[in-house]
Amino acid sequence: MTLSSGERIAIAIKPADRVVQRDFVTELGCVAAAMPKHFAHRVKLITDEQLNRRAAAEAARLVMRSRPQLTEVAA
């Protein structure tokens, strides 16, 4: 994700139970430490417990309407 300020954030979306079972926070810390700054300035973890599924679905529809070439590739 790129913010209007230019800051780039790499986002990992994982099921909450898998984050706990696999100690994903530690793994993500290693990824963040090795990640080049030209890719992203920081990493953010989002779990399914934090997602608003209705808002996510609406955002996906908006992207598909604004970028029809993505729909063609997915079809």
C-alpha atoms as a PDB file:
ATOM      1  CA  MET A   1       0.000   0.000   0.000  1.00  0.00           C
ATOM      2  CA  THR A   2       1.316   3.453  -0.823  1.00  0.00           C
ATOM      3  CA  LEU A   3       0.093   6.348   1.298  1.00  0.00           C
ATOM      4  CA  SER A   4      -0.381   9.846  -0.096  1.00  0.00           C
ATOM      5  CA  SER A   5       2.773  10.801   1.834  1.00  0.00           C
ATOM      6  CA  GLY A   6       4.732   8.318  -0.309  1.00  0.00           C
ATOM      7  CA  GLU A   7       5.279   5.860   2.526  1.00  0.00           C
ATOM      8  CA  ARG A   8       4.999   2.254   1.308  1.00  0.00           C
ATOM      9  CA  ILE A   9       3.635  -0.424   3.644  1.00  0.00           C
ATOM     10  CA  ALA A  10       3.831  -4.151   2.926  1.00  0.00           C
ATOM     11  CA  ILE A  11       0.738  -5.826   4.311  1.00  0.00           C
ATOM     12  CA  ALA A  12       0.483  -9.450   5.403  1.00  0.00           C
ATOM     13  CA  ILE A  13      -3.046 -10.779   5.820  1.00  0.00           C
ATOM     14  CA  LYS A  14      -3.283 -14.039   7.760  1.00  0.00           C
ATOM     15  CA  PRO A  15      -5.850 -15.963   9.783  1.00  0.00           C
ATOM     16  CA  ALA A  16      -5.395 -15.129  13.476  1.00  0.00           C
ATOM     17  CA  ASP A  17      -5.128 -18.763  14.532  1.00  0.00           C
ATOM     18  CA  ARG A  18      -2.326 -19.392  12.041  1.00  0.00           C
ATOM     19  CA  VAL A  19      -0.445 -16.308  13.295  1.00  0.00           C
ATOM     20  CA  VAL A  20      -0.402 -17.824  16.784  1.00  0.00           C
ATOM     21  CA  GLN A  21       0.238 -21.453  15.766  1.00  0.00           C
ATOM     22  CA  ARG A  22       3.188 -20.659  13.511  1.00  0.00           C
ATOM     23  CA  ASP A  23       4.661 -17.743  15.476  1.00  0.00           C
ATOM     24  CA  PHE A  24       4.135 -15.625  12.379  1.00  0.00           C
ATOM     25  CA  VAL A  25       4.945 -12.393  14.190  1.00  0.00           C
ATOM     26  CA  THR A  26       8.552 -13.538  14.630  1.00  0.00           C
ATOM     27  CA  GLU A  27       8.740 -14.633  10.993  1.00  0.00           C
ATOM     28  CA  LEU A  28       7.302 -11.330   9.842  1.00  0.00           C
ATOM     29  CA  GLY A  29       9.914  -9.508  11.912  1.00  0.00           C
ATOM     30  CA  CYS A  30      12.638 -11.354  10.000  1.00  0.00           C
ATOM     31  CA  VAL A  31      10.983 -10.443   6.711  1.00  0.00           C
ATOM     32  CA  ALA A  32      10.777  -6.786   7.747  1.00  0.00           C
ATOM     33  CA  ALA A  33      14.443  -6.741   8.738  1.00  0.00           C
ATOM     34  CA  ALA A  34      15.497  -8.179   5.370  1.00  0.00           C
ATOM     35  CA  MET A  35      13.089  -6.155   3.244  1.00  0.00           C
ATOM     36  CA  PRO A  36      14.728  -3.473   1.096  1.00  0.00           C
ATOM     37  CA  LYS A  37      13.441   0.047   1.767  1.00  0.00           C
ATOM     38  CA  HIS A  38      12.753   0.592  -1.945  1.00  0.00           C
ATOM     39  CA  PHE A  39      10.084  -2.130  -1.645  1.00  0.00           C
ATOM     40  CA  ALA A  40       8.396  -0.878   1.538  1.00  0.00           C
ATOM     41  CA  HIS A  41       9.245   1.238   4.556  1.00  0.00           C
ATOM     42  CA  ARG A  42       7.486  -1.062   7.014  1.00  0.00           C
ATOM     43  CA  VAL A  43       5.336  -4.157   7.364  1.00  0.00           C
ATOM     44  CA  LYS A  44       1.854  -4.397   8.857  1.00  0.00           C
ATOM     45  CA  LEU A  45       0.081  -7.588   9.909  1.00  0.00           C
ATOM     46  CA  ILE A  46      -3.690  -7.759   9.544  1.00  0.00           C
ATOM     47  CA  THR A  47      -5.653 -10.769  10.736  1.00  0.00           C
ATOM     48  CA  ASP A  48      -9.093 -11.943   9.749  1.00  0.00           C
ATOM     49  CA  GLU A  49     -10.314 -10.671  13.109  1.00  0.00           C
ATOM     50  CA  GLN A  50      -9.487  -7.119  12.041  1.00  0.00           C
ATOM     51  CA  LEU A  51     -11.043  -7.224   8.574  1.00  0.00           C
ATOM     52  CA  ASN A  52     -14.425  -5.818   7.752  1.00  0.00           C
ATOM     53  CA  ARG A  53     -15.486  -8.303   5.069  1.00  0.00           C
ATOM     54  CA  ARG A  54     -18.179  -6.042   3.621  1.00  0.00           C
ATOM     55  CA  ALA A  55     -15.740  -3.131   3.259  1.00  0.00           C
ATOM     56  CA  ALA A  56     -13.114  -5.432   1.724  1.00  0.00           C
ATOM     57  CA  ALA A  57     -15.597  -6.765  -0.833  1.00  0.00           C
ATOM     58  CA  GLU A  58     -16.681  -3.240  -1.767  1.00  0.00           C
ATOM     59  CA  ALA A  59     -13.029  -2.169  -2.161  1.00  0.00           C
ATOM     60  CA  ALA A  60     -12.386  -5.150  -4.440  1.00  0.00           C
ATOM     61  CA  ARG A  61     -15.417  -4.228  -6.570  1.00  0.00           C
ATOM     62  CA  LEU A  62     -14.192  -0.631  -6.815  1.00  0.00           C
ATOM     63  CA  VAL A  63     -10.751  -1.781  -7.985  1.00  0.00           C
ATOM     64  CA  MET A  64     -12.282  -4.072 -10.591  1.00  0.00           C
ATOM     65  CA  ARG A  65     -14.503  -1.253 -11.918  1.00  0.00           C
ATOM     66  CA  SER A  66     -11.600   1.177 -12.117  1.00  0.00           C
ATOM     67  CA  ARG A  67      -9.197  -1.332 -13.713  1.00  0.00           C
ATOM     68  CA  PRO A  68     -11.105  -3.509 -16.185  1.00  0.00           C
ATOM     69  CA  GLN A  69      -7.878  -5.117 -17.414  1.00  0.00           C
ATOM     70  CA  LEU A  70      -7.602  -6.884 -14.034  1.00  0.00           C
ATOM     71  CA  THR A  71     -10.986  -8.494 -14.623  1.00  0.00           C
ATOM     72  CA  GLU A  72      -9.875  -9.730 -18.047  1.00  0.00           C
ATOM     73  CA  VAL A  73      -6.760 -11.380 -16.584  1.00  0.00           C
ATOM     74  CA  ALA A  74      -8.743 -13.040 -13.811  1.00  0.00           C
ATOM     75  CA  ALA A  75     -11.390 -14.414 -16.204  1.00  0.00           C
END
